[in-house]
Amino acid sequence: MIMKNTVILLGLLILMPLSAAAQAKKPTLMVVPANSWCSEHGFMQKYSFQGTTTEVPDYESALNKDIDLVNVITKIGELMADRQFPLKDLSQTIKSLRQNEVEDEMLTSSSSGAMIAESPIDRLYKRAKADIILELAWKVNKVGPKKSVTYVLRGLDAYTNKQVAAAQGTGAPSIAAELPVLLEEAVLENMDNFIAQLQSHFTDLLTNGREVSIGVRIFDNGSGLTFEEEFDDKELTDVIEEWMSSNTVNHRFSLADATETMMNFEQVRIPLYREDGRAMDTRNFVGELRKYLKSSVGITSKIVTKGLGRADLILGEK
């Protein structure tokens, strides 16, 4: 009887880590064509803001005009789904974005007329709410009647654009195989290692929080407010720093720069999820700071997003 109970106990101990792993949260992913692929195939659009013009990928045009892209994204999606990783569909995300674009463009400051400062790509990633962007580029090689595929697959943190996973390689040559099959054969060899890198990064996010940047500024409206102004014997700088320390994960943040009229916070680790279980993003986090300053020291402020991983809080008006 003792022997039997011991065997049962050992079995339970072995199964516990497997059960925990099965229940572990996985990152949300979205597959997009790499900038290099879009540029090579002529799918770029110009984006202008504050006098600066840059080129960004035109995913919508690429999806509408290149069937190979649709097939390749679908195949990568199948491979990831087979490994129980949730995916956001690029095409459906773009459609959702279009439905909300007019409303977003009409959001301005009621006082200063300031507009939301986000690029088309930032708005897309924000709508997708993906943790990691899978950026894919490929090239078809031809040697006589045989074809092979060389690919590069990168996992990018959607908030910092830092590379967190990578895989590359060339598949075996084939005469009859179609592009999605050639790509699958090339990718499969490195897929398990790639998945492990993605999960390792997401585990770090769960443990240490998501990394973002936050700026705090003051409207030049003649109010005379500065970060040196005192509230209950504390300078405004100290009030904000104490809030950041209390609300970041493991008190992790860095005050990179501070003057009488500005504060720049970098490497700010915000929780991945809010208390109600919904995803936390940079705007949500800064929104909590805005509410705190309003209730504790009576300062009105406005949030201006500058990409998925950056937001500024402008003090003095809304």
C-alpha atoms as a PDB file:
ATOM      1  CA  MET A   1       0.000   0.000   0.000  1.00  0.00           C
ATOM      2  CA  ILE A   2       2.839   2.360   0.870  1.00  0.00           C
ATOM      3  CA  MET A   3       4.563   1.503  -2.414  1.00  0.00           C
ATOM      4  CA  LYS A   4       1.340   2.208  -4.365  1.00  0.00           C
ATOM      5  CA  ASN A   5       0.844   5.599  -2.693  1.00  0.00           C
ATOM      6  CA  THR A   6       4.465   6.492  -3.385  1.00  0.00           C
ATOM      7  CA  VAL A   7       4.025   5.723  -7.088  1.00  0.00           C
ATOM      8  CA  ILE A   8       0.862   7.862  -7.248  1.00  0.00           C
ATOM      9  CA  LEU A   9       2.637  10.759  -5.508  1.00  0.00           C
ATOM     10  CA  LEU A  10       5.578  10.578  -7.889  1.00  0.00           C
ATOM     11  CA  GLY A  11       3.197  10.564 -10.830  1.00  0.00           C
ATOM     12  CA  LEU A  12       1.466  13.697  -9.572  1.00  0.00           C
ATOM     13  CA  LEU A  13       4.787  15.458  -9.058  1.00  0.00           C
ATOM     14  CA  ILE A  14       5.786  14.689 -12.630  1.00  0.00           C
ATOM     15  CA  LEU A  15       2.474  15.919 -14.048  1.00  0.00           C
ATOM     16  CA  MET A  16       2.399  19.198 -12.070  1.00  0.00           C
ATOM     17  CA  PRO A  17       5.057  21.030 -14.156  1.00  0.00           C
ATOM     18  CA  LEU A  18       3.367  19.835 -17.355  1.00  0.00           C
ATOM     19  CA  SER A  19       0.014  21.162 -16.155  1.00  0.00           C
ATOM     20  CA  ALA A  20       1.549  24.519 -15.165  1.00  0.00           C
ATOM     21  CA  ALA A  21       3.248  24.806 -18.547  1.00  0.00           C
ATOM     22  CA  ALA A  22      -0.022  24.040 -20.322  1.00  0.00           C
ATOM     23  CA  GLN A  23      -1.770  26.819 -18.419  1.00  0.00           C
ATOM     24  CA  ALA A  24       1.027  29.358 -18.928  1.00  0.00           C
ATOM     25  CA  LYS A  25      -0.009  32.449 -20.882  1.00  0.00           C
ATOM     26  CA  LYS A  26       1.416  32.796 -24.358  1.00  0.00           C
ATOM     27  CA  PRO A  27       2.203  36.010 -26.239  1.00  0.00           C
ATOM     28  CA  THR A  28      -0.198  37.331 -28.857  1.00  0.00           C
ATOM     29  CA  LEU A  29       1.461  37.479 -32.269  1.00  0.00           C
ATOM     30  CA  MET A  30       0.875  39.121 -35.635  1.00  0.00           C
ATOM     31  CA  VAL A  31       2.709  38.234 -38.858  1.00  0.00           C
ATOM     32  CA  VAL A  32       3.734  41.098 -41.175  1.00  0.00           C
ATOM     33  CA  PRO A  33       6.024  41.306 -44.204  1.00  0.00           C
ATOM     34  CA  ALA A  34       9.431  42.801 -43.425  1.00  0.00           C
ATOM     35  CA  ASN A  35      10.202  46.377 -44.441  1.00  0.00           C
ATOM     36  CA  SER A  36      12.883  45.096 -46.835  1.00  0.00           C
ATOM     37  CA  TRP A  37      10.369  42.850 -48.604  1.00  0.00           C
ATOM     38  CA  CYS A  38       7.824  45.683 -48.898  1.00  0.00           C
ATOM     39  CA  SER A  39      10.459  48.049 -50.256  1.00  0.00           C
ATOM     40  CA  GLU A  40      11.754  45.508 -52.772  1.00  0.00           C
ATOM     41  CA  HIS A  41       8.227  44.867 -54.076  1.00  0.00           C
ATOM     42  CA  GLY A  42       7.144  48.516 -54.156  1.00  0.00           C
ATOM     43  CA  PHE A  43       4.708  48.404 -51.227  1.00  0.00           C
ATOM     44  CA  MET A  44       5.718  51.539 -49.323  1.00  0.00           C
ATOM     45  CA  GLN A  45       3.860  54.748 -48.525  1.00  0.00           C
ATOM     46  CA  LYS A  46       5.055  58.165 -47.387  1.00  0.00           C
ATOM     47  CA  TYR A  47       4.127  59.375 -43.915  1.00  0.00           C
ATOM     48  CA  SER A  48       4.595  63.019 -42.912  1.00  0.00           C
ATOM     49  CA  PHE A  49       4.534  64.485 -39.425  1.00  0.00           C
ATOM     50  CA  GLN A  50       5.792  67.869 -38.216  1.00  0.00           C
ATOM     51  CA  GLY A  51       7.703  68.492 -41.430  1.00  0.00           C
ATOM     52  CA  THR A  52       9.474  65.117 -41.530  1.00  0.00           C
ATOM     53  CA  THR A  53       8.607  62.595 -44.241  1.00  0.00           C
ATOM     54  CA  THR A  54       9.440  58.919 -43.919  1.00  0.00           C
ATOM     55  CA  GLU A  55       8.407  55.761 -45.754  1.00  0.00           C
ATOM     56  CA  VAL A  56       6.456  53.021 -44.000  1.00  0.00           C
ATOM     57  CA  PRO A  57       5.240  49.638 -45.330  1.00  0.00           C
ATOM     58  CA  ASP A  58       1.879  49.677 -47.104  1.00  0.00           C
ATOM     59  CA  TYR A  59       0.541  46.372 -45.784  1.00  0.00           C
ATOM     60  CA  GLU A  60      -2.953  46.940 -47.147  1.00  0.00           C
ATOM     61  CA  SER A  61      -1.761  47.365 -50.729  1.00  0.00           C
ATOM     62  CA  ALA A  62       0.585  44.387 -50.409  1.00  0.00           C
ATOM     63  CA  LEU A  63      -2.204  42.101 -49.202  1.00  0.00           C
ATOM     64  CA  ASN A  64      -4.516  43.245 -51.986  1.00  0.00           C
ATOM     65  CA  LYS A  65      -1.992  42.813 -54.791  1.00  0.00           C
ATOM     66  CA  ASP A  66       0.361  39.954 -53.838  1.00  0.00           C
ATOM     67  CA  ILE A  67      -1.273  36.548 -53.425  1.00  0.00           C
ATOM     68  CA  ASP A  68       2.081  35.011 -52.457  1.00  0.00           C
ATOM     69  CA  LEU A  69       2.155  37.263 -49.386  1.00  0.00           C
ATOM     70  CA  VAL A  70      -1.317  36.107 -48.345  1.00  0.00           C
ATOM     71  CA  ASN A  71      -0.313  32.459 -48.799  1.00  0.00           C
ATOM     72  CA  VAL A  72       2.936  32.883 -46.867  1.00  0.00           C
ATOM     73  CA  ILE A  73       1.287  34.687 -43.933  1.00  0.00           C
ATOM     74  CA  THR A  74      -1.393  31.995 -43.848  1.00  0.00           C
ATOM     75  CA  LYS A  75       1.231  29.245 -43.733  1.00  0.00           C
ATOM     76  CA  ILE A  76       3.172  30.894 -40.900  1.00  0.00           C
ATOM     77  CA  GLY A  77      -0.132  31.324 -39.100  1.00  0.00           C
ATOM     78  CA  GLU A  78      -0.835  27.606 -39.425  1.00  0.00           C
ATOM     79  CA  LEU A  79       2.590  26.692 -38.059  1.00  0.00           C
ATOM     80  CA  MET A  80       2.151  28.961 -35.045  1.00  0.00           C
ATOM     81  CA  ALA A  81      -1.417  27.801 -34.405  1.00  0.00           C
ATOM     82  CA  ASP A  82      -0.201  24.198 -34.395  1.00  0.00           C
ATOM     83  CA  ARG A  83       1.970  25.203 -31.428  1.00  0.00           C
ATOM     84  CA  GLN A  84      -0.936  26.817 -29.559  1.00  0.00           C
ATOM     85  CA  PHE A  85       0.164  30.422 -30.081  1.00  0.00           C
ATOM     86  CA  PRO A  86      -2.672  32.943 -30.653  1.00  0.00           C
ATOM     87  CA  LEU A  87      -2.399  35.027 -33.799  1.00  0.00           C
ATOM     88  CA  LYS A  88      -3.862  38.341 -34.869  1.00  0.00           C
ATOM     89  CA  ASP A  89      -4.826  38.443 -38.550  1.00  0.00           C
ATOM     90  CA  LEU A  90      -3.134  41.340 -40.384  1.00  0.00           C
ATOM     91  CA  SER A  91      -5.890  41.741 -42.966  1.00  0.00           C
ATOM     92  CA  GLN A  92      -8.721  41.829 -40.421  1.00  0.00           C
ATOM     93  CA  THR A  93      -6.762  44.198 -38.187  1.00  0.00           C
ATOM     94  CA  ILE A  94      -6.349  46.638 -41.083  1.00  0.00           C
ATOM     95  CA  LYS A  95     -10.088  46.501 -41.784  1.00  0.00           C
ATOM     96  CA  SER A  96     -10.833  47.243 -38.128  1.00  0.00           C
ATOM     97  CA  LEU A  97      -8.355  50.110 -38.207  1.00  0.00           C
ATOM     98  CA  ARG A  98     -10.044  51.673 -41.219  1.00  0.00           C
ATOM     99  CA  GLN A  99     -13.386  51.658 -39.424  1.00  0.00           C
ATOM    100  CA  ASN A 100     -11.947  53.652 -36.524  1.00  0.00           C
ATOM    101  CA  GLU A 101      -9.485  55.841 -38.410  1.00  0.00           C
ATOM    102  CA  VAL A 102     -11.787  58.810 -38.940  1.00  0.00           C
ATOM    103  CA  GLU A 103     -12.633  59.014 -35.241  1.00  0.00           C
ATOM    104  CA  ASP A 104      -8.953  58.808 -34.245  1.00  0.00           C
ATOM    105  CA  GLU A 105      -7.975  61.569 -36.672  1.00  0.00           C
ATOM    106  CA  MET A 106     -10.606  63.869 -35.134  1.00  0.00           C
ATOM    107  CA  LEU A 107      -9.130  63.523 -31.622  1.00  0.00           C
ATOM    108  CA  THR A 108      -7.500  66.857 -30.784  1.00  0.00           C
ATOM    109  CA  SER A 109      -6.860  68.895 -27.694  1.00  0.00           C
ATOM    110  CA  SER A 110      -9.863  71.057 -26.830  1.00  0.00           C
ATOM    111  CA  SER A 111      -7.452  73.797 -25.757  1.00  0.00           C
ATOM    112  CA  SER A 112      -4.402  73.645 -28.018  1.00  0.00           C
ATOM    113  CA  GLY A 113      -5.606  71.601 -30.985  1.00  0.00           C
ATOM    114  CA  ALA A 114      -2.795  69.064 -30.565  1.00  0.00           C
ATOM    115  CA  MET A 115      -3.341  65.839 -32.505  1.00  0.00           C
ATOM    116  CA  ILE A 116      -2.452  62.272 -31.644  1.00  0.00           C
ATOM    117  CA  ALA A 117       1.134  61.719 -32.814  1.00  0.00           C
ATOM    118  CA  GLU A 118       1.140  58.184 -34.174  1.00  0.00           C
ATOM    119  CA  SER A 119       2.412  56.744 -37.426  1.00  0.00           C
ATOM    120  CA  PRO A 120       0.195  54.414 -39.516  1.00  0.00           C
ATOM    121  CA  ILE A 121       2.219  51.441 -38.260  1.00  0.00           C
ATOM    122  CA  ASP A 122       1.849  52.519 -34.624  1.00  0.00           C
ATOM    123  CA  ARG A 123      -1.915  52.728 -35.046  1.00  0.00           C
ATOM    124  CA  LEU A 124      -1.984  49.297 -36.662  1.00  0.00           C
ATOM    125  CA  TYR A 125      -0.002  47.668 -33.850  1.00  0.00           C
ATOM    126  CA  LYS A 126      -2.127  49.426 -31.250  1.00  0.00           C
ATOM    127  CA  ARG A 127      -5.308  48.107 -32.855  1.00  0.00           C
ATOM    128  CA  ALA A 128      -3.860  44.577 -33.033  1.00  0.00           C
ATOM    129  CA  LYS A 129      -2.808  44.638 -29.367  1.00  0.00           C
ATOM    130  CA  ALA A 130      -0.107  42.099 -30.225  1.00  0.00           C
ATOM    131  CA  ASP A 131       2.767  41.497 -27.837  1.00  0.00           C
ATOM    132  CA  ILE A 132       5.205  40.422 -30.540  1.00  0.00           C
ATOM    133  CA  ILE A 133       5.358  41.199 -34.263  1.00  0.00           C
ATOM    134  CA  LEU A 134       6.644  38.387 -36.484  1.00  0.00           C
ATOM    135  CA  GLU A 135       8.460  40.096 -39.339  1.00  0.00           C
ATOM    136  CA  LEU A 136       9.006  37.831 -42.341  1.00  0.00           C
ATOM    137  CA  ALA A 137      11.095  38.199 -45.500  1.00  0.00           C
ATOM    138  CA  TRP A 138      11.772  35.501 -48.073  1.00  0.00           C
ATOM    139  CA  LYS A 139      13.350  34.964 -51.462  1.00  0.00           C
ATOM    140  CA  VAL A 140      12.766  32.226 -54.023  1.00  0.00           C
ATOM    141  CA  ASN A 141      16.003  30.743 -55.380  1.00  0.00           C
ATOM    142  CA  LYS A 142      16.022  29.070 -58.796  1.00  0.00           C
ATOM    143  CA  VAL A 143      18.680  26.636 -60.026  1.00  0.00           C
ATOM    144  CA  GLY A 144      17.582  25.033 -63.263  1.00  0.00           C
ATOM    145  CA  PRO A 145      14.112  23.513 -62.764  1.00  0.00           C
ATOM    146  CA  LYS A 146      14.497  23.412 -58.981  1.00  0.00           C
ATOM    147  CA  LYS A 147      13.372  26.071 -56.534  1.00  0.00           C
ATOM    148  CA  SER A 148      14.133  26.701 -52.870  1.00  0.00           C
ATOM    149  CA  VAL A 149      13.233  29.379 -50.354  1.00  0.00           C
ATOM    150  CA  THR A 150      15.588  31.434 -48.190  1.00  0.00           C
ATOM    151  CA  TYR A 151      13.798  33.160 -45.325  1.00  0.00           C
ATOM    152  CA  VAL A 152      14.416  35.451 -42.356  1.00  0.00           C
ATOM    153  CA  LEU A 153      11.884  35.464 -39.505  1.00  0.00           C
ATOM    154  CA  ARG A 154      12.274  37.963 -36.651  1.00  0.00           C
ATOM    155  CA  GLY A 155      10.222  38.396 -33.510  1.00  0.00           C
ATOM    156  CA  LEU A 156      10.038  42.073 -32.496  1.00  0.00           C
ATOM    157  CA  ASP A 157       8.663  43.421 -29.234  1.00  0.00           C
ATOM    158  CA  ALA A 158       5.715  45.528 -30.420  1.00  0.00           C
ATOM    159  CA  TYR A 159       6.415  48.247 -27.827  1.00  0.00           C
ATOM    160  CA  THR A 160      10.185  48.657 -28.079  1.00  0.00           C
ATOM    161  CA  ASN A 161      10.907  47.248 -31.582  1.00  0.00           C
ATOM    162  CA  LYS A 162      13.721  45.242 -30.004  1.00  0.00           C
ATOM    163  CA  GLN A 163      14.463  41.876 -31.596  1.00  0.00           C
ATOM    164  CA  VAL A 164      13.542  39.098 -29.180  1.00  0.00           C
ATOM    165  CA  ALA A 165      13.696  36.036 -31.448  1.00  0.00           C
ATOM    166  CA  ALA A 166      15.151  35.135 -34.831  1.00  0.00           C
ATOM    167  CA  ALA A 167      15.355  32.272 -37.294  1.00  0.00           C
ATOM    168  CA  GLN A 168      16.715  31.998 -40.803  1.00  0.00           C
ATOM    169  CA  GLY A 169      17.620  29.347 -43.309  1.00  0.00           C
ATOM    170  CA  THR A 170      17.207  27.835 -46.774  1.00  0.00           C
ATOM    171  CA  GLY A 171      14.994  24.872 -47.556  1.00  0.00           C
ATOM    172  CA  ALA A 172      15.794  21.888 -49.751  1.00  0.00           C
ATOM    173  CA  PRO A 173      15.382  22.422 -53.535  1.00  0.00           C
ATOM    174  CA  SER A 174      12.245  21.056 -55.161  1.00  0.00           C
ATOM    175  CA  ILE A 175      10.813  20.911 -58.667  1.00  0.00           C
ATOM    176  CA  ALA A 176       7.084  20.721 -58.013  1.00  0.00           C
ATOM    177  CA  ALA A 177       6.493  22.236 -54.552  1.00  0.00           C
ATOM    178  CA  GLU A 178       4.546  25.508 -54.239  1.00  0.00           C
ATOM    179  CA  LEU A 179       5.869  28.520 -52.298  1.00  0.00           C
ATOM    180  CA  PRO A 180       3.975  27.849 -49.026  1.00  0.00           C
ATOM    181  CA  VAL A 181       5.260  24.251 -48.978  1.00  0.00           C
ATOM    182  CA  LEU A 182       8.833  25.345 -49.692  1.00  0.00           C
ATOM    183  CA  LEU A 183       8.596  27.923 -46.902  1.00  0.00           C
ATOM    184  CA  GLU A 184       7.169  25.401 -44.449  1.00  0.00           C
ATOM    185  CA  GLU A 185       9.996  22.962 -45.125  1.00  0.00           C
ATOM    186  CA  ALA A 186      12.576  25.721 -44.641  1.00  0.00           C
ATOM    187  CA  VAL A 187      11.032  27.115 -41.438  1.00  0.00           C
ATOM    188  CA  LEU A 188      10.284  23.847 -39.633  1.00  0.00           C
ATOM    189  CA  GLU A 189      13.932  23.062 -38.964  1.00  0.00           C
ATOM    190  CA  ASN A 190      14.338  26.118 -36.696  1.00  0.00           C
ATOM    191  CA  MET A 191      10.751  26.548 -35.483  1.00  0.00           C
ATOM    192  CA  ASP A 192      11.107  24.936 -32.047  1.00  0.00           C
ATOM    193  CA  ASN A 193      14.073  27.134 -31.126  1.00  0.00           C
ATOM    194  CA  PHE A 194      12.256  30.202 -32.430  1.00  0.00           C
ATOM    195  CA  ILE A 195       9.194  29.382 -30.315  1.00  0.00           C
ATOM    196  CA  ALA A 196      11.395  28.926 -27.239  1.00  0.00           C
ATOM    197  CA  GLN A 197      12.886  32.409 -27.756  1.00  0.00           C
ATOM    198  CA  LEU A 198       9.419  33.961 -28.058  1.00  0.00           C
ATOM    199  CA  GLN A 199       8.182  32.264 -24.895  1.00  0.00           C
ATOM    200  CA  SER A 200      11.313  33.255 -22.985  1.00  0.00           C
ATOM    201  CA  HIS A 201      10.736  36.916 -23.824  1.00  0.00           C
ATOM    202  CA  PHE A 202       7.062  36.752 -22.897  1.00  0.00           C
ATOM    203  CA  THR A 203       7.915  35.074 -19.603  1.00  0.00           C
ATOM    204  CA  ASP A 204      10.218  38.012 -18.883  1.00  0.00           C
ATOM    205  CA  LEU A 205       7.328  40.405 -19.627  1.00  0.00           C
ATOM    206  CA  LEU A 206       5.083  38.543 -17.214  1.00  0.00           C
ATOM    207  CA  THR A 207       7.743  38.594 -14.513  1.00  0.00           C
ATOM    208  CA  ASN A 208       9.338  42.007 -14.964  1.00  0.00           C
ATOM    209  CA  GLY A 209       6.704  44.006 -16.846  1.00  0.00           C
ATOM    210  CA  ARG A 210       6.559  45.587 -20.285  1.00  0.00           C
ATOM    211  CA  GLU A 211       9.192  48.207 -21.114  1.00  0.00           C
ATOM    212  CA  VAL A 212       7.908  51.619 -22.238  1.00  0.00           C
ATOM    213  CA  SER A 213       8.970  55.279 -22.223  1.00  0.00           C
ATOM    214  CA  ILE A 214       7.013  58.122 -20.631  1.00  0.00           C
ATOM    215  CA  GLY A 215       7.446  61.870 -20.867  1.00  0.00           C
ATOM    216  CA  VAL A 216       5.862  64.462 -18.585  1.00  0.00           C
ATOM    217  CA  ARG A 217       5.645  68.032 -19.886  1.00  0.00           C
ATOM    218  CA  ILE A 218       3.970  71.325 -18.976  1.00  0.00           C
ATOM    219  CA  PHE A 219       1.751  73.348 -21.318  1.00  0.00           C
ATOM    220  CA  ASP A 220       3.222  76.800 -22.033  1.00  0.00           C
ATOM    221  CA  ASN A 221      -0.014  78.592 -21.145  1.00  0.00           C
ATOM    222  CA  GLY A 222       1.275  81.150 -18.644  1.00  0.00           C
ATOM    223  CA  SER A 223       0.168  79.224 -15.553  1.00  0.00           C
ATOM    224  CA  GLY A 224       3.650  79.334 -14.021  1.00  0.00           C
ATOM    225  CA  LEU A 225       3.520  75.643 -13.098  1.00  0.00           C
ATOM    226  CA  THR A 226       6.914  73.931 -12.804  1.00  0.00           C
ATOM    227  CA  PHE A 227       8.125  70.587 -11.508  1.00  0.00           C
ATOM    228  CA  GLU A 228       9.739  72.440  -8.605  1.00  0.00           C
ATOM    229  CA  GLU A 229       6.364  73.616  -7.264  1.00  0.00           C
ATOM    230  CA  GLU A 230       5.641  72.083  -3.859  1.00  0.00           C
ATOM    231  CA  PHE A 231       2.542  70.207  -2.734  1.00  0.00           C
ATOM    232  CA  ASP A 232       2.438  69.298   0.966  1.00  0.00           C
ATOM    233  CA  ASP A 233       6.185  69.955   1.259  1.00  0.00           C
ATOM    234  CA  LYS A 234       6.991  67.762  -1.754  1.00  0.00           C
ATOM    235  CA  GLU A 235       8.155  69.021  -5.124  1.00  0.00           C
ATOM    236  CA  LEU A 236       6.018  67.893  -8.042  1.00  0.00           C
ATOM    237  CA  THR A 237       9.018  65.919  -9.327  1.00  0.00           C
ATOM    238  CA  ASP A 238       9.056  63.879  -6.122  1.00  0.00           C
ATOM    239  CA  VAL A 239       5.291  63.344  -6.225  1.00  0.00           C
ATOM    240  CA  ILE A 240       5.527  61.860  -9.709  1.00  0.00           C
ATOM    241  CA  GLU A 241       8.626  59.780  -8.938  1.00  0.00           C
ATOM    242  CA  GLU A 242       6.976  58.269  -5.858  1.00  0.00           C
ATOM    243  CA  TRP A 243       3.916  57.321  -7.905  1.00  0.00           C
ATOM    244  CA  MET A 244       6.132  55.698 -10.552  1.00  0.00           C
ATOM    245  CA  SER A 245       7.963  53.701  -7.900  1.00  0.00           C
ATOM    246  CA  SER A 246       4.696  52.460  -6.399  1.00  0.00           C
ATOM    247  CA  ASN A 247       3.086  51.481  -9.706  1.00  0.00           C
ATOM    248  CA  THR A 248       5.891  50.041 -11.849  1.00  0.00           C
ATOM    249  CA  VAL A 249       6.774  46.341 -11.657  1.00  0.00           C
ATOM    250  CA  ASN A 250       9.453  45.811  -9.015  1.00  0.00           C
ATOM    251  CA  HIS A 251       9.868  49.631  -8.886  1.00  0.00           C
ATOM    252  CA  ARG A 252      11.785  49.482 -12.169  1.00  0.00           C
ATOM    253  CA  PHE A 253      12.112  52.752 -14.068  1.00  0.00           C
ATOM    254  CA  SER A 254      14.782  55.289 -14.888  1.00  0.00           C
ATOM    255  CA  LEU A 255      14.442  59.073 -14.733  1.00  0.00           C
ATOM    256  CA  ALA A 256      16.678  59.840 -17.695  1.00  0.00           C
ATOM    257  CA  ASP A 257      16.284  63.612 -17.661  1.00  0.00           C
ATOM    258  CA  ALA A 258      14.499  66.268 -15.596  1.00  0.00           C
ATOM    259  CA  THR A 259      14.271  70.049 -15.628  1.00  0.00           C
ATOM    260  CA  GLU A 260      11.795  72.650 -14.330  1.00  0.00           C
ATOM    261  CA  THR A 261       9.472  71.913 -17.258  1.00  0.00           C
ATOM    262  CA  MET A 262      10.044  68.294 -18.339  1.00  0.00           C
ATOM    263  CA  MET A 263      10.704  64.784 -17.085  1.00  0.00           C
ATOM    264  CA  ASN A 264      11.742  61.821 -19.241  1.00  0.00           C
ATOM    265  CA  PHE A 265      11.297  58.290 -17.916  1.00  0.00           C
ATOM    266  CA  GLU A 266      12.928  55.363 -19.711  1.00  0.00           C
ATOM    267  CA  GLN A 267      12.980  51.595 -19.133  1.00  0.00           C
ATOM    268  CA  VAL A 268       9.633  51.946 -17.374  1.00  0.00           C
ATOM    269  CA  ARG A 269       8.329  48.462 -16.575  1.00  0.00           C
ATOM    270  CA  ILE A 270       4.534  48.527 -16.544  1.00  0.00           C
ATOM    271  CA  PRO A 271       2.318  45.529 -15.672  1.00  0.00           C
ATOM    272  CA  LEU A 272       1.283  43.362 -18.608  1.00  0.00           C
ATOM    273  CA  TYR A 273      -2.297  43.207 -17.340  1.00  0.00           C
ATOM    274  CA  ARG A 274      -4.605  45.447 -15.344  1.00  0.00           C
ATOM    275  CA  GLU A 275      -6.322  44.295 -12.161  1.00  0.00           C
ATOM    276  CA  ASP A 276      -9.432  43.311 -14.140  1.00  0.00           C
ATOM    277  CA  GLY A 277      -7.354  41.048 -16.412  1.00  0.00           C
ATOM    278  CA  ARG A 278      -7.393  43.310 -19.466  1.00  0.00           C
ATOM    279  CA  ALA A 279      -4.136  44.149 -21.241  1.00  0.00           C
ATOM    280  CA  MET A 280      -2.257  47.196 -19.968  1.00  0.00           C
ATOM    281  CA  ASP A 281      -0.707  49.530 -22.527  1.00  0.00           C
ATOM    282  CA  THR A 282       1.301  52.732 -22.236  1.00  0.00           C
ATOM    283  CA  ARG A 283      -1.738  54.990 -22.533  1.00  0.00           C
ATOM    284  CA  ASN A 284      -3.621  53.064 -19.833  1.00  0.00           C
ATOM    285  CA  PHE A 285      -0.660  53.344 -17.464  1.00  0.00           C
ATOM    286  CA  VAL A 286      -0.169  57.076 -18.053  1.00  0.00           C
ATOM    287  CA  GLY A 287      -3.922  57.478 -17.640  1.00  0.00           C
ATOM    288  CA  GLU A 288      -3.594  56.204 -14.079  1.00  0.00           C
ATOM    289  CA  LEU A 289      -0.910  58.834 -13.404  1.00  0.00           C
ATOM    290  CA  ARG A 290      -3.179  61.507 -14.895  1.00  0.00           C
ATOM    291  CA  LYS A 291      -6.028  60.541 -12.557  1.00  0.00           C
ATOM    292  CA  TYR A 292      -3.681  60.474  -9.558  1.00  0.00           C
ATOM    293  CA  LEU A 293      -2.340  63.974 -10.221  1.00  0.00           C
ATOM    294  CA  LYS A 294      -5.894  65.291 -10.650  1.00  0.00           C
ATOM    295  CA  SER A 295      -7.119  63.784  -7.378  1.00  0.00           C
ATOM    296  CA  SER A 296      -4.027  64.347  -5.222  1.00  0.00           C
ATOM    297  CA  VAL A 297      -2.698  67.757  -6.278  1.00  0.00           C
ATOM    298  CA  GLY A 298      -5.475  69.111  -8.502  1.00  0.00           C
ATOM    299  CA  ILE A 299      -3.470  69.235 -11.754  1.00  0.00           C
ATOM    300  CA  THR A 300      -5.362  68.810 -15.031  1.00  0.00           C
ATOM    301  CA  SER A 301      -3.440  67.094 -17.823  1.00  0.00           C
ATOM    302  CA  LYS A 302      -3.698  65.537 -21.275  1.00  0.00           C
ATOM    303  CA  ILE A 303      -2.223  62.321 -22.697  1.00  0.00           C
ATOM    304  CA  VAL A 304      -0.521  62.358 -26.096  1.00  0.00           C
ATOM    305  CA  THR A 305       0.557  58.974 -27.489  1.00  0.00           C
ATOM    306  CA  LYS A 306       3.703  58.795 -29.602  1.00  0.00           C
ATOM    307  CA  GLY A 307       3.739  55.214 -30.738  1.00  0.00           C
ATOM    308  CA  LEU A 308       2.740  52.047 -28.971  1.00  0.00           C
ATOM    309  CA  GLY A 309       5.543  52.216 -26.404  1.00  0.00           C
ATOM    310  CA  ARG A 310       5.676  55.960 -25.766  1.00  0.00           C
ATOM    311  CA  ALA A 311       3.225  58.427 -24.240  1.00  0.00           C
ATOM    312  CA  ASP A 312       3.539  61.972 -22.910  1.00  0.00           C
ATOM    313  CA  LEU A 313       1.483  63.537 -20.127  1.00  0.00           C
ATOM    314  CA  ILE A 314       1.107  67.273 -20.678  1.00  0.00           C
ATOM    315  CA  LEU A 315       0.266  69.137 -17.454  1.00  0.00           C
ATOM    316  CA  GLY A 316      -1.753  72.330 -17.099  1.00  0.00           C
ATOM    317  CA  GLU A 317      -4.776  71.839 -19.326  1.00  0.00           C
ATOM    318  CA  LYS A 318      -6.730  69.233 -21.272  1.00  0.00           C
END
